[in-house]
Amino acid sequence: MLWLYLNFTHLQLDSSFCGSAYDGNLAIINNDHQIVQLTPHAYTSGLKLGMGLGTAASLCHDLQVHSYDPHIEQTKLKEIARWLYLITSDITLFEPNGILLKISDMLSLYSNIEHYWSIIQSHLQSFNIRYDYSTGFSPFSAQILSQQKTHLITDNKEVLKKKLYALSLSVSGLPHKTVEKLSRVGIETFDDLLAIPMADIAKRFDIDLINYIGKVTGRFKHPVEFYHPQQTFKYSLDLLYEIENVQWLEKPLSKLLKKLEHFLKLRDQIAHEIEVVLFLRNKQNTSFIISSAQGEYLAVNWINLSKLTLESISIRSPVIAISLSTKRVEQQANFNTDLFTGQQGKTTALELMSVLEAKLGKKAVSRPSIAPDPRPEIANSYSSPLSEQLKDPLFKPKLRPSILLPHPERLTDEVSIAHGPERVATGWWDNNPVIRDYFIVQSHDGRWLWVFRTPKKQWFLHGIFS
């Protein structure tokens, strides 16, 4: 068996969005006020891991500090695992910041281990995170070599053994008492430990050490639980500084949308709806939906729609994190263009609809629709832009005005009848009866009007032709 371990040493810091502040001096500290993560720039300022906060502050006056949160790293680790699952299987999480890959079976899909590793590296570039890595002949050996920054990619077991056996037992992960007990009898390295027969070790040490040796050497089976992510896109981004202006969210949101593009492209899918959640400092989170009527996968198109949507979003508290998830996706369809018709324009009707909905809101966008009903108030209405339109009407449409008044108004002008009457007597089945005689008339100022006469000889204006 061959394994690959990825150790994300600065996961909380690297996976957070801090914009230009990433070039500054940022540090993550634990509960003991010791530095556990640093930006690359902070290292050049003389700061080191394990350094106390007081010492660090005296060396760097502009140091920005954030508390370590294992929950953030666990969430990010799962996001990375979901991302890696697109190109490799058999993934095991070592929370809060490690990922183990079983690569023995995957090598049959790639030309060699170097090719496989180049694909992994390229796939992780979108996260822009630092990590240590190493292969190993067992899960424990890969983990130990990775944590010691070995950066070794090989399937040569002898080379891996040589690197592992030279390490001190202080990095083995064994209990401190066990390491001290071994040291007292002159066993300092893996080479020293593994040179002793198992029977002799069993006489002086407990069964846990025997099991450890068996697992680290690969003699004993090391059961691991493989991770199987949901086949949906859901990623979050923590901000290392608070954002009060929603327009400034465009840049961090773009980072998530680029991940979405890659996610959909690999699956040959398009998304129709995505949900953005803004996590606010006062815990009253804000969420909104961005829609694309025809479906999109390109980040640049989603970015344009998000800019329009953000114009109508208001927040009462600073934003500290963002999450993005897909709500409705489907497989990409091949749209064939008529050879003789050609491209009619750069913007399709569905694209225009998406832009209008993002700018004005879904409730503000509708389309006229016609129902098979003789009553004008019911036959003419507004419906959802995507609603099914009547393709084969049950009756031949008659001449109707382009402008229909919301409510009929009493006719006050003198008119001359040009066409009519057209009797409309219907609606008895739904308790909304209508009996009218419609006429097309012309007013003295030249306007063409649509009027009707009731059985009581009352005249009303209902529409305007021109």
Foldseek 3Di string as FASTA:
>chain_A
DKKKKKFQQAQLVLQADAPPCLLDWEFEAEPQQFTRHTRPNNVVLVDDGRDHNVVSCVSPVPYHYDYDDQVSQQQVQVQLVVLCCLQAFQWFDDPRGMIMGDCPVVQVVPVHQVRVVVVSVVSCVLSRGDIFMEMAPFPQLRVLCRVVRVNYGDPDHVVSCVVQQPDFCVSSPDDPVVSVVCVVVPQTGNVSVVVDDLVVCVVPDPVVVVVSVCRRVVVDDDDGDTDDDDLWDKDKHFHPDWAQQLLVCLVVVLSSLVVQLVSCVSVQKFAFKKKKWFQFPVRPIDMDIQGQQVTHRDSVLVSLLVNLLSVPDHDDGTTGMMMMITDGMDHHDDDDDDPVVPDPDPADPRSVLSNCCSNPNQVVDWDWAADQAPDPLVRTDTDGPPDDHDDDHPDDDDDDAPFWDNDWAFDDFDKDFDDWFDWDFDDPVPPPTDTWTWTFIAGPVGWTFIWIAGPVRTITTTHTRD
